[in-house]
Every structure is written in structure tokens, then in C-alpha cells.
Amino acid sequence: MLDVLARQDGFHLRMNQLSNAVVLSQSATTRLVSRLEDRGLLQRYLCPTDRRGIYTEVTAPGKELLAAARPTHDAVLTEALAAAEELPELAPLVAALGKLPRLPHFVL
């Protein structure tokens, strides 16, 4: 979730957008955001132009944790994709992922 938010301009998303981006139900997203908020890694606030909307954004400690975790995350992801590429049933998926435009902080 921190990674998804960190990829956004301004490091925030509306809760419903975040739910779609992390492929969790809205209730599961709310629970996860609450746990991360309790740890000081995320914060929620009302949209200034639409009081019905709630944004979630990464806090400074959340950005620090994400930066510290990124090398391990990228290494594990690279290793997992290399292993998946060796399996005939997953090789086409890995190849398709490799053709996608590269995002900042995303290793393939």
C-alpha cells in the first residue's frame, strides 16, 4: 500500500481509488489503512473540494520505511520474477510484464 501511494503524484489517493489499486475490498482497505495509520505511516484527511471524499497519504515516517524496504523488495521481486520466468506456464506473463513501461522504483 505504501508503494502504491508513493507512486502517486503528491503521495495520496482517495480511499476508493486506493482500494481499487491494491485490489482489496473497501472494508479490507480501511482496516489496513487504519493499522498503517496507527503506526504513523499513513494519514487520512477530508478532500478540501469534496467533503465526502477521504484521501490517504504517506507520512514522512512511511516514506522513510518505504525507502529502507525498497532494496529488499526489489531484490525479492526480481528473484521471484526470474523463478517464474523458468516455468512454462508463467514465462509468457513475465515476458508481458517486461514489455510494460517501466515505472520509477519498479524492477523487472
PDB file of N, CA and C in Angstrom:
ATOM      1  N   MET A   1       0.820  -1.179   0.000  1.00  0.00           N
ATOM      2  CA  MET A   1       0.000   0.000   0.000  1.00  0.00           C
ATOM      3  C   MET A   1       0.872   1.255   0.000  1.00  0.00           C
ATOM      4  N   LEU A   2       1.949   1.237   0.785  1.00  0.00           N
ATOM      5  CA  LEU A   2       2.861   2.387   0.789  1.00  0.00           C
ATOM      6  C   LEU A   2       3.447   2.599  -0.595  1.00  0.00           C
ATOM      7  N   ASP A   3       3.797   1.513  -1.262  1.00  0.00           N
ATOM      8  CA  ASP A   3       4.373   1.607  -2.597  1.00  0.00           C
ATOM      9  C   ASP A   3       3.364   2.182  -3.580  1.00  0.00           C
ATOM     10  N   VAL A   4       2.127   1.734  -3.527  1.00  0.00           N
ATOM     11  CA  VAL A   4       1.080   2.245  -4.425  1.00  0.00           C
ATOM     12  C   VAL A   4       0.908   3.748  -4.204  1.00  0.00           C
ATOM     13  N   LEU A   5       0.827   4.166  -2.958  1.00  0.00           N
ATOM     14  CA  LEU A   5       0.655   5.583  -2.664  1.00  0.00           C
ATOM     15  C   LEU A   5       1.879   6.399  -3.066  1.00  0.00           C
ATOM     16  N   ALA A   6       3.057   5.828  -2.884  1.00  0.00           N
ATOM     17  CA  ALA A   6       4.286   6.550  -3.217  1.00  0.00           C
ATOM     18  C   ALA A   6       4.416   6.792  -4.715  1.00  0.00           C
ATOM     19  N   ARG A   7       3.749   5.995  -5.521  1.00  0.00           N
ATOM     20  CA  ARG A   7       3.795   6.175  -6.977  1.00  0.00           C
ATOM     21  C   ARG A   7       2.880   7.297  -7.460  1.00  0.00           C
ATOM     22  N   GLN A   8       2.055   7.821  -6.572  1.00  0.00           N
ATOM     23  CA  GLN A   8       1.094   8.853  -6.947  1.00  0.00           C
ATOM     24  C   GLN A   8       1.718  10.231  -6.804  1.00  0.00           C
ATOM     25  N   ASP A   9       1.346  11.110  -7.702  1.00  0.00           N
ATOM     26  CA  ASP A   9       1.777  12.496  -7.596  1.00  0.00           C
ATOM     27  C   ASP A   9       1.192  13.069  -6.312  1.00  0.00           C
ATOM     28  N   GLY A  10       2.019  13.513  -5.427  1.00  0.00           N
ATOM     29  CA  GLY A  10       1.539  14.026  -4.155  1.00  0.00           C
ATOM     30  C   GLY A  10       1.406  12.956  -3.091  1.00  0.00           C
ATOM     31  N   PHE A  11       1.668  11.698  -3.419  1.00  0.00           N
ATOM     32  CA  PHE A  11       1.664  10.595  -2.454  1.00  0.00           C
ATOM     33  C   PHE A  11       0.306  10.370  -1.798  1.00  0.00           C
ATOM     34  N   HIS A  12      -0.802  10.658  -2.504  1.00  0.00           N
ATOM     35  CA  HIS A  12      -2.105  10.405  -1.904  1.00  0.00           C
ATOM     36  C   HIS A  12      -3.108   9.910  -2.943  1.00  0.00           C
ATOM     37  N   LEU A  13      -4.139   9.234  -2.457  1.00  0.00           N
ATOM     38  CA  LEU A  13      -5.259   8.746  -3.267  1.00  0.00           C
ATOM     39  C   LEU A  13      -6.520   8.812  -2.423  1.00  0.00           C
ATOM     40  N   ARG A  14      -7.663   8.907  -3.103  1.00  0.00           N
ATOM     41  CA  ARG A  14      -8.926   8.755  -2.402  1.00  0.00           C
ATOM     42  C   ARG A  14      -9.039   7.305  -1.975  1.00  0.00           C
ATOM     43  N   MET A  15      -9.748   7.057  -0.904  1.00  0.00           N
ATOM     44  CA  MET A  15      -9.859   5.697  -0.362  1.00  0.00           C
ATOM     45  C   MET A  15     -10.395   4.709  -1.401  1.00  0.00           C
ATOM     46  N   ASN A  16     -11.409   5.089  -2.186  1.00  0.00           N
ATOM     47  CA  ASN A  16     -11.941   4.153  -3.183  1.00  0.00           C
ATOM     48  C   ASN A  16     -10.922   3.875  -4.275  1.00  0.00           C
ATOM     49  N   GLN A  17     -10.119   4.862  -4.659  1.00  0.00           N
ATOM     50  CA  GLN A  17      -9.061   4.640  -5.649  1.00  0.00           C
ATOM     51  C   GLN A  17      -7.990   3.713  -5.084  1.00  0.00           C
ATOM     52  N   LEU A  18      -7.651   3.917  -3.824  1.00  0.00           N
ATOM     53  CA  LEU A  18      -6.657   3.071  -3.171  1.00  0.00           C
ATOM     54  C   LEU A  18      -7.141   1.629  -3.106  1.00  0.00           C
ATOM     55  N   SER A  19      -8.392   1.439  -2.764  1.00  0.00           N
ATOM     56  CA  SER A  19      -8.978   0.100  -2.702  1.00  0.00           C
ATOM     57  C   SER A  19      -8.846  -0.611  -4.044  1.00  0.00           C
ATOM     58  N   ASN A  20      -9.143   0.102  -5.129  1.00  0.00           N
ATOM     59  CA  ASN A  20      -9.008  -0.481  -6.470  1.00  0.00           C
ATOM     60  C   ASN A  20      -7.553  -0.763  -6.808  1.00  0.00           C
ATOM     61  N   ALA A  21      -6.655   0.133  -6.440  1.00  0.00           N
ATOM     62  CA  ALA A  21      -5.239  -0.017  -6.792  1.00  0.00           C
ATOM     63  C   ALA A  21      -4.577  -1.188  -6.085  1.00  0.00           C
ATOM     64  N   VAL A  22      -4.979  -1.463  -4.851  1.00  0.00           N
ATOM     65  CA  VAL A  22      -4.359  -2.560  -4.104  1.00  0.00           C
ATOM     66  C   VAL A  22      -5.179  -3.844  -4.185  1.00  0.00           C
ATOM     67  N   VAL A  23      -6.285  -3.790  -4.909  1.00  0.00           N
ATOM     68  CA  VAL A  23      -7.157  -4.942  -5.154  1.00  0.00           C
ATOM     69  C   VAL A  23      -7.616  -5.578  -3.839  1.00  0.00           C
ATOM     70  N   LEU A  24      -8.158  -4.715  -2.980  1.00  0.00           N
ATOM     71  CA  LEU A  24      -8.768  -5.157  -1.728  1.00  0.00           C
ATOM     72  C   LEU A  24     -10.172  -4.598  -1.666  1.00  0.00           C
ATOM     73  N   SER A  25     -11.017  -5.239  -0.903  1.00  0.00           N
ATOM     74  CA  SER A  25     -12.354  -4.686  -0.685  1.00  0.00           C
ATOM     75  C   SER A  25     -12.209  -3.368   0.064  1.00  0.00           C
ATOM     76  N   GLN A  26     -13.251  -2.565   0.020  1.00  0.00           N
ATOM     77  CA  GLN A  26     -13.179  -1.287   0.730  1.00  0.00           C
ATOM     78  C   GLN A  26     -13.008  -1.492   2.235  1.00  0.00           C
ATOM     79  N   SER A  27     -13.673  -2.506   2.780  1.00  0.00           N
ATOM     80  CA  SER A  27     -13.526  -2.740   4.226  1.00  0.00           C
ATOM     81  C   SER A  27     -12.116  -3.220   4.565  1.00  0.00           C
ATOM     82  N   ALA A  28     -11.544  -4.089   3.742  1.00  0.00           N
ATOM     83  CA  ALA A  28     -10.172  -4.557   3.988  1.00  0.00           C
ATOM     84  C   ALA A  28      -9.178  -3.406   3.831  1.00  0.00           C
ATOM     85  N   THR A  29      -9.415  -2.537   2.859  1.00  0.00           N
ATOM     86  CA  THR A  29      -8.553  -1.366   2.673  1.00  0.00           C
ATOM     87  C   THR A  29      -8.630  -0.459   3.896  1.00  0.00           C
ATOM     88  N   THR A  30      -9.825  -0.224   4.391  1.00  0.00           N
ATOM     89  CA  THR A  30     -10.000   0.622   5.570  1.00  0.00           C
ATOM     90  C   THR A  30      -9.272   0.042   6.769  1.00  0.00           C
ATOM     91  N   ARG A  31      -9.372  -1.270   6.960  1.00  0.00           N
ATOM     92  CA  ARG A  31      -8.679  -1.913   8.092  1.00  0.00           C
ATOM     93  C   ARG A  31      -7.163  -1.773   7.951  1.00  0.00           C
ATOM     94  N   LEU A  32      -6.647  -2.003   6.735  1.00  0.00           N
ATOM     95  CA  LEU A  32      -5.207  -1.897   6.515  1.00  0.00           C
ATOM     96  C   LEU A  32      -4.737  -0.456   6.697  1.00  0.00           C
ATOM     97  N   VAL A  33      -5.477   0.488   6.153  1.00  0.00           N
ATOM     98  CA  VAL A  33      -5.114   1.899   6.326  1.00  0.00           C
ATOM     99  C   VAL A  33      -5.121   2.257   7.813  1.00  0.00           C
ATOM    100  N   SER A  34      -6.097   1.776   8.548  1.00  0.00           N
ATOM    101  CA  SER A  34      -6.157   2.056   9.996  1.00  0.00           C
ATOM    102  C   SER A  34      -4.924   1.518  10.715  1.00  0.00           C
ATOM    103  N   ARG A  35      -4.513   0.293  10.365  1.00  0.00           N
ATOM    104  CA  ARG A  35      -3.321  -0.278  11.008  1.00  0.00           C
ATOM    105  C   ARG A  35      -2.071   0.533  10.666  1.00  0.00           C
ATOM    106  N   LEU A  36      -1.939   0.934   9.399  1.00  0.00           N
ATOM    107  CA  LEU A  36      -0.776   1.724   8.999  1.00  0.00           C
ATOM    108  C   LEU A  36      -0.835   3.133   9.587  1.00  0.00           C
ATOM    109  N   GLU A  37      -2.039   3.657   9.728  1.00  0.00           N
ATOM    110  CA  GLU A  37      -2.210   4.968  10.350  1.00  0.00           C
ATOM    111  C   GLU A  37      -1.832   4.900  11.837  1.00  0.00           C
ATOM    112  N   ASP A  38      -2.218   3.820  12.513  1.00  0.00           N
ATOM    113  CA  ASP A  38      -1.854   3.631  13.923  1.00  0.00           C
ATOM    114  C   ASP A  38      -0.341   3.590  14.112  1.00  0.00           C
ATOM    115  N   ARG A  39       0.367   3.094  13.091  1.00  0.00           N
ATOM    116  CA  ARG A  39       1.837   3.036  13.149  1.00  0.00           C
ATOM    117  C   ARG A  39       2.479   4.344  12.696  1.00  0.00           C
ATOM    118  N   GLY A  40       1.658   5.319  12.270  1.00  0.00           N
ATOM    119  CA  GLY A  40       2.178   6.614  11.848  1.00  0.00           C
ATOM    120  C   GLY A  40       2.721   6.632  10.436  1.00  0.00           C
ATOM    121  N   LEU A  41       2.391   5.612   9.635  1.00  0.00           N
ATOM    122  CA  LEU A  41       2.926   5.513   8.280  1.00  0.00           C
ATOM    123  C   LEU A  41       2.022   6.156   7.231  1.00  0.00           C
ATOM    124  N   LEU A  42       0.741   6.269   7.541  1.00  0.00           N
ATOM    125  CA  LEU A  42      -0.243   6.895   6.657  1.00  0.00           C
ATOM    126  C   LEU A  42      -1.077   7.868   7.465  1.00  0.00           C
ATOM    127  N   GLN A  43      -1.735   8.768   6.739  1.00  0.00           N
ATOM    128  CA  GLN A  43      -2.731   9.626   7.376  1.00  0.00           C
ATOM    129  C   GLN A  43      -3.887   9.829   6.421  1.00  0.00           C
ATOM    130  N   ARG A  44      -5.063  10.033   6.992  1.00  0.00           N
ATOM    131  CA  ARG A  44      -6.266  10.303   6.201  1.00  0.00           C
ATOM    132  C   ARG A  44      -6.709  11.737   6.451  1.00  0.00           C
ATOM    133  N   TYR A  45      -7.290  12.337   5.421  1.00  0.00           N
ATOM    134  CA  TYR A  45      -7.855  13.671   5.586  1.00  0.00           C
ATOM    135  C   TYR A  45      -8.978  13.876   4.581  1.00  0.00           C
ATOM    136  N   LEU A  46      -9.874  14.801   4.906  1.00  0.00           N
ATOM    137  CA  LEU A  46     -11.003  15.094   4.023  1.00  0.00           C
ATOM    138  C   LEU A  46     -10.522  15.859   2.805  1.00  0.00           C
ATOM    139  N   CYS A  47     -11.104  15.534   1.654  1.00  0.00           N
ATOM    140  CA  CYS A  47     -10.816  16.247   0.419  1.00  0.00           C
ATOM    141  C   CYS A  47     -11.261  17.698   0.590  1.00  0.00           C
ATOM    142  N   PRO A  48     -10.390  18.667   0.297  1.00  0.00           N
ATOM    143  CA  PRO A  48     -10.770  20.067   0.516  1.00  0.00           C
ATOM    144  C   PRO A  48     -11.872  20.562  -0.430  1.00  0.00           C
ATOM    145  N   THR A  49     -12.040  19.924  -1.583  1.00  0.00           N
ATOM    146  CA  THR A  49     -13.055  20.372  -2.546  1.00  0.00           C
ATOM    147  C   THR A  49     -14.322  19.534  -2.520  1.00  0.00           C
ATOM    148  N   ASP A  50     -14.255  18.358  -1.920  1.00  0.00           N
ATOM    149  CA  ASP A  50     -15.415  17.469  -1.845  1.00  0.00           C
ATOM    150  C   ASP A  50     -15.394  16.807  -0.473  1.00  0.00           C
ATOM    151  N   ARG A  51     -16.131  17.342   0.454  1.00  0.00           N
ATOM    152  CA  ARG A  51     -16.078  16.882   1.844  1.00  0.00           C
ATOM    153  C   ARG A  51     -16.497  15.425   2.012  1.00  0.00           C
ATOM    154  N   ARG A  52     -17.049  14.818   0.968  1.00  0.00           N
ATOM    155  CA  ARG A  52     -17.413  13.396   1.058  1.00  0.00           C
ATOM    156  C   ARG A  52     -16.195  12.504   0.828  1.00  0.00           C
ATOM    157  N   GLY A  53     -15.177  13.044   0.162  1.00  0.00           N
ATOM    158  CA  GLY A  53     -14.001  12.257  -0.182  1.00  0.00           C
ATOM    159  C   GLY A  53     -12.968  12.239   0.920  1.00  0.00           C
ATOM    160  N   ILE A  54     -12.356  11.094   1.124  1.00  0.00           N
ATOM    161  CA  ILE A  54     -11.288  10.954   2.109  1.00  0.00           C
ATOM    162  C   ILE A  54     -10.033  10.521   1.366  1.00  0.00           C
ATOM    163  N   TYR A  55      -8.964  11.264   1.568  1.00  0.00           N
ATOM    164  CA  TYR A  55      -7.673  10.930   0.974  1.00  0.00           C
ATOM    165  C   TYR A  55      -6.818  10.182   1.983  1.00  0.00           C
ATOM    166  N   THR A  56      -5.954   9.358   1.462  1.00  0.00           N
ATOM    167  CA  THR A  56      -4.943   8.676   2.270  1.00  0.00           C
ATOM    168  C   THR A  56      -3.593   9.049   1.685  1.00  0.00           C
ATOM    169  N   GLU A  57      -2.660   9.417   2.546  1.00  0.00           N
ATOM    170  CA  GLU A  57      -1.333   9.760   2.048  1.00  0.00           C
ATOM    171  C   GLU A  57      -0.249   9.195   2.957  1.00  0.00           C
ATOM    172  N   VAL A  58       0.927   9.043   2.372  1.00  0.00           N
ATOM    173  CA  VAL A  58       2.088   8.531   3.093  1.00  0.00           C
ATOM    174  C   VAL A  58       2.674   9.659   3.933  1.00  0.00           C
ATOM    175  N   THR A  59       2.998   9.354   5.180  1.00  0.00           N
ATOM    176  CA  THR A  59       3.642  10.327   6.067  1.00  0.00           C
ATOM    177  C   THR A  59       5.155  10.259   5.864  1.00  0.00           C
ATOM    178  N   ALA A  60       5.860  11.185   6.473  1.00  0.00           N
ATOM    179  CA  ALA A  60       7.327  11.169   6.392  1.00  0.00           C
ATOM    180  C   ALA A  60       7.901   9.853   6.929  1.00  0.00           C
ATOM    181  N   PRO A  61       7.449   9.338   8.086  1.00  0.00           N
ATOM    182  CA  PRO A  61       7.965   8.039   8.536  1.00  0.00           C
ATOM    183  C   PRO A  61       7.622   6.904   7.551  1.00  0.00           C
ATOM    184  N   GLY A  62       6.470   6.994   6.908  1.00  0.00           N
ATOM    185  CA  GLY A  62       6.103   5.990   5.905  1.00  0.00           C
ATOM    186  C   GLY A  62       7.039   6.019   4.709  1.00  0.00           C
ATOM    187  N   LYS A  63       7.407   7.222   4.275  1.00  0.00           N
ATOM    188  CA  LYS A  63       8.352   7.366   3.159  1.00  0.00           C
ATOM    189  C   LYS A  63       9.719   6.811   3.540  1.00  0.00           C
ATOM    190  N   GLU A  64      10.123   7.064   4.790  1.00  0.00           N
ATOM    191  CA  GLU A  64      11.414   6.547   5.259  1.00  0.00           C
ATOM    192  C   GLU A  64      11.410   5.021   5.293  1.00  0.00           C
ATOM    193  N   LEU A  65      10.332   4.436   5.806  1.00  0.00           N
ATOM    194  CA  LEU A  65      10.230   2.977   5.863  1.00  0.00           C
ATOM    195  C   LEU A  65      10.232   2.379   4.462  1.00  0.00           C
ATOM    196  N   LEU A  66       9.495   2.996   3.560  1.00  0.00           N
ATOM    197  CA  LEU A  66       9.453   2.508   2.183  1.00  0.00           C
ATOM    198  C   LEU A  66      10.831   2.578   1.528  1.00  0.00           C
ATOM    199  N   ALA A  67      11.543   3.671   1.735  1.00  0.00           N
ATOM    200  CA  ALA A  67      12.892   3.810   1.174  1.00  0.00           C
ATOM    201  C   ALA A  67      13.834   2.751   1.737  1.00  0.00           C
ATOM    202  N   ALA A  68      13.710   2.453   3.015  1.00  0.00           N
ATOM    203  CA  ALA A  68      14.556   1.434   3.637  1.00  0.00           C
ATOM    204  C   ALA A  68      14.217   0.031   3.133  1.00  0.00           C
ATOM    205  N   ALA A  69      12.928  -0.206   2.863  1.00  0.00           N
ATOM    206  CA  ALA A  69      12.488  -1.536   2.425  1.00  0.00           C
ATOM    207  C   ALA A  69      12.683  -1.759   0.929  1.00  0.00           C
ATOM    208  N   ARG A  70      12.795  -0.686   0.150  1.00  0.00           N
ATOM    209  CA  ARG A  70      12.821  -0.814  -1.304  1.00  0.00           C
ATOM    210  C   ARG A  70      13.915  -1.750  -1.834  1.00  0.00           C
ATOM    211  N   PRO A  71      15.165  -1.679  -1.377  1.00  0.00           N
ATOM    212  CA  PRO A  71      16.177  -2.594  -1.920  1.00  0.00           C
ATOM    213  C   PRO A  71      15.810  -4.071  -1.719  1.00  0.00           C
ATOM    214  N   THR A  72      15.316  -4.418  -0.547  1.00  0.00           N
ATOM    215  CA  THR A  72      14.911  -5.802  -0.291  1.00  0.00           C
ATOM    216  C   THR A  72      13.703  -6.164  -1.142  1.00  0.00           C
ATOM    217  N   HIS A  73      12.719  -5.283  -1.199  1.00  0.00           N
ATOM    218  CA  HIS A  73      11.523  -5.508  -2.017  1.00  0.00           C
ATOM    219  C   HIS A  73      11.902  -5.762  -3.471  1.00  0.00           C
ATOM    220  N   ASP A  74      12.744  -4.887  -4.028  1.00  0.00           N
ATOM    221  CA  ASP A  74      13.132  -5.021  -5.428  1.00  0.00           C
ATOM    222  C   ASP A  74      13.920  -6.299  -5.687  1.00  0.00           C
ATOM    223  N   ALA A  75      14.811  -6.663  -4.755  1.00  0.00           N
ATOM    224  CA  ALA A  75      15.603  -7.886  -4.915  1.00  0.00           C
ATOM    225  C   ALA A  75      14.711  -9.123  -4.878  1.00  0.00           C
ATOM    226  N   VAL A  76      13.766  -9.161  -3.946  1.00  0.00           N
ATOM    227  CA  VAL A  76      12.857 -10.311  -3.842  1.00  0.00           C
ATOM    228  C   VAL A  76      11.962 -10.389  -5.066  1.00  0.00           C
ATOM    229  N   LEU A  77      11.464  -9.254  -5.527  1.00  0.00           N
ATOM    230  CA  LEU A  77      10.616  -9.237  -6.721  1.00  0.00           C
ATOM    231  C   LEU A  77      11.389  -9.705  -7.951  1.00  0.00           C
ATOM    232  N   THR A  78      12.609  -9.232  -8.105  1.00  0.00           N
ATOM    233  CA  THR A  78      13.442  -9.654  -9.230  1.00  0.00           C
ATOM    234  C   THR A  78      13.696 -11.154  -9.181  1.00  0.00           C
ATOM    235  N   GLU A  79      13.984 -11.671  -8.003  1.00  0.00           N
ATOM    236  CA  GLU A  79      14.221 -13.110  -7.828  1.00  0.00           C
ATOM    237  C   GLU A  79      12.961 -13.919  -8.138  1.00  0.00           C
ATOM    238  N   ALA A  80      11.819 -13.460  -7.667  1.00  0.00           N
ATOM    239  CA  ALA A  80      10.552 -14.169  -7.908  1.00  0.00           C
ATOM    240  C   ALA A  80      10.197 -14.169  -9.392  1.00  0.00           C
ATOM    241  N   LEU A  81      10.414 -13.045 -10.065  1.00  0.00           N
ATOM    242  CA  LEU A  81      10.112 -12.985 -11.498  1.00  0.00           C
ATOM    243  C   LEU A  81      11.075 -13.865 -12.303  1.00  0.00           C
ATOM    244  N   ALA A  82      12.336 -13.925 -11.887  1.00  0.00           N
ATOM    245  CA  ALA A  82      13.294 -14.795 -12.570  1.00  0.00           C
ATOM    246  C   ALA A  82      12.890 -16.260 -12.411  1.00  0.00           C
ATOM    247  N   ALA A  83      12.436 -16.626 -11.223  1.00  0.00           N
ATOM    248  CA  ALA A  83      11.977 -18.006 -10.999  1.00  0.00           C
ATOM    249  C   ALA A  83      10.719 -18.284 -11.802  1.00  0.00           C
ATOM    250  N   ALA A  84       9.803 -17.327 -11.854  1.00  0.00           N
ATOM    251  CA  ALA A  84       8.563 -17.505 -12.615  1.00  0.00           C
ATOM    252  C   ALA A  84       8.847 -17.635 -14.099  1.00  0.00           C
ATOM    253  N   GLU A  85       9.855 -16.940 -14.568  1.00  0.00           N
ATOM    254  CA  GLU A  85      10.207 -16.986 -15.991  1.00  0.00           C
ATOM    255  C   GLU A  85      10.669 -18.378 -16.414  1.00  0.00           C
ATOM    256  N   GLU A  86      11.153 -19.164 -15.469  1.00  0.00           N
ATOM    257  CA  GLU A  86      11.612 -20.519 -15.750  1.00  0.00           C
ATOM    258  C   GLU A  86      10.464 -21.517 -15.876  1.00  0.00           C
ATOM    259  N   LEU A  87       9.274 -21.137 -15.436  1.00  0.00           N
ATOM    260  CA  LEU A  87       8.113 -22.021 -15.516  1.00  0.00           C
ATOM    261  C   LEU A  87       7.344 -21.759 -16.801  1.00  0.00           C
ATOM    262  N   PRO A  88       7.142 -22.791 -17.613  1.00  0.00           N
ATOM    263  CA  PRO A  88       6.487 -22.587 -18.914  1.00  0.00           C
ATOM    264  C   PRO A  88       5.133 -21.885 -18.817  1.00  0.00           C
ATOM    265  N   GLU A  89       4.373 -22.184 -17.767  1.00  0.00           N
ATOM    266  CA  GLU A  89       3.044 -21.573 -17.655  1.00  0.00           C
ATOM    267  C   GLU A  89       3.104 -20.102 -17.232  1.00  0.00           C
ATOM    268  N   LEU A  90       4.214 -19.661 -16.649  1.00  0.00           N
ATOM    269  CA  LEU A  90       4.331 -18.271 -16.205  1.00  0.00           C
ATOM    270  C   LEU A  90       5.242 -17.422 -17.089  1.00  0.00           C
ATOM    271  N   ALA A  91       6.057 -18.057 -17.903  1.00  0.00           N
ATOM    272  CA  ALA A  91       7.002 -17.327 -18.755  1.00  0.00           C
ATOM    273  C   ALA A  91       6.310 -16.278 -19.629  1.00  0.00           C
ATOM    274  N   PRO A  92       5.156 -16.585 -20.259  1.00  0.00           N
ATOM    275  CA  PRO A  92       4.511 -15.540 -21.068  1.00  0.00           C
ATOM    276  C   PRO A  92       4.065 -14.329 -20.245  1.00  0.00           C
ATOM    277  N   LEU A  93       3.630 -14.567 -19.025  1.00  0.00           N
ATOM    278  CA  LEU A  93       3.218 -13.461 -18.166  1.00  0.00           C
ATOM    279  C   LEU A  93       4.415 -12.580 -17.813  1.00  0.00           C
ATOM    280  N   VAL A  94       5.535 -13.188 -17.472  1.00  0.00           N
ATOM    281  CA  VAL A  94       6.744 -12.433 -17.143  1.00  0.00           C
ATOM    282  C   VAL A  94       7.205 -11.642 -18.366  1.00  0.00           C
ATOM    283  N   ALA A  95       7.134 -12.261 -19.542  1.00  0.00           N
ATOM    284  CA  ALA A  95       7.515 -11.561 -20.769  1.00  0.00           C
ATOM    285  C   ALA A  95       6.604 -10.359 -21.013  1.00  0.00           C
ATOM    286  N   ALA A  96       5.309 -10.533 -20.788  1.00  0.00           N
ATOM    287  CA  ALA A  96       4.363  -9.426 -20.970  1.00  0.00           C
ATOM    288  C   ALA A  96       4.649  -8.301 -19.982  1.00  0.00           C
ATOM    289  N   LEU A  97       4.966  -8.656 -18.736  1.00  0.00           N
ATOM    290  CA  LEU A  97       5.309  -7.636 -17.745  1.00  0.00           C
ATOM    291  C   LEU A  97       6.557  -6.859 -18.161  1.00  0.00           C
ATOM    292  N   GLY A  98       7.495  -7.568 -18.756  1.00  0.00           N
ATOM    293  CA  GLY A  98       8.730  -6.931 -19.202  1.00  0.00           C
ATOM    294  C   GLY A  98       8.517  -5.925 -20.317  1.00  0.00           C
ATOM    295  N   LYS A  99       7.409  -6.034 -21.024  1.00  0.00           N
ATOM    296  CA  LYS A  99       7.110  -5.104 -22.124  1.00  0.00           C
ATOM    297  C   LYS A  99       6.374  -3.851 -21.669  1.00  0.00           C
ATOM    298  N   LEU A 100       5.892  -3.856 -20.431  1.00  0.00           N
ATOM    299  CA  LEU A 100       5.200  -2.686 -19.911  1.00  0.00           C
ATOM    300  C   LEU A 100       6.192  -1.551 -19.690  1.00  0.00           C
ATOM    301  N   PRO A 101       5.713  -0.310 -19.795  1.00  0.00           N
ATOM    302  CA  PRO A 101       6.616   0.813 -19.494  1.00  0.00           C
ATOM    303  C   PRO A 101       7.115   0.702 -18.056  1.00  0.00           C
ATOM    304  N   ARG A 102       8.367   0.967 -17.874  1.00  0.00           N
ATOM    305  CA  ARG A 102       8.931   0.860 -16.523  1.00  0.00           C
ATOM    306  C   ARG A 102       8.490   2.045 -15.680  1.00  0.00           C
ATOM    307  N   LEU A 103       8.104   1.728 -14.464  1.00  0.00           N
ATOM    308  CA  LEU A 103       7.711   2.749 -13.512  1.00  0.00           C
ATOM    309  C   LEU A 103       8.889   3.043 -12.606  1.00  0.00           C
ATOM    310  N   PRO A 104       8.956   4.243 -12.062  1.00  0.00           N
ATOM    311  CA  PRO A 104      10.033   4.504 -11.099  1.00  0.00           C
ATOM    312  C   PRO A 104       9.965   3.519  -9.939  1.00  0.00           C
ATOM    313  N   HIS A 105      11.096   3.039  -9.511  1.00  0.00           N
ATOM    314  CA  HIS A 105      11.212   2.126  -8.374  1.00  0.00           C
ATOM    315  C   HIS A 105      10.575   0.770  -8.645  1.00  0.00           C
ATOM    316  N   PHE A 106      10.460   0.367  -9.892  1.00  0.00           N
ATOM    317  CA  PHE A 106       9.881  -0.936 -10.194  1.00  0.00           C
ATOM    318  C   PHE A 106      10.885  -1.717 -11.013  1.00  0.00           C
ATOM    319  N   VAL A 107      11.237  -2.876 -10.561  1.00  0.00           N
ATOM    320  CA  VAL A 107      12.266  -3.689 -11.195  1.00  0.00           C
ATOM    321  C   VAL A 107      11.620  -4.860 -11.900  1.00  0.00           C
ATOM    322  N   LEU A 108      12.000  -5.117 -13.134  1.00  0.00           N
ATOM    323  CA  LEU A 108      11.601  -6.328 -13.844  1.00  0.00           C
ATOM    324  C   LEU A 108      12.827  -6.985 -14.421  1.00  0.00           C
TER     325      LEU A 108
END
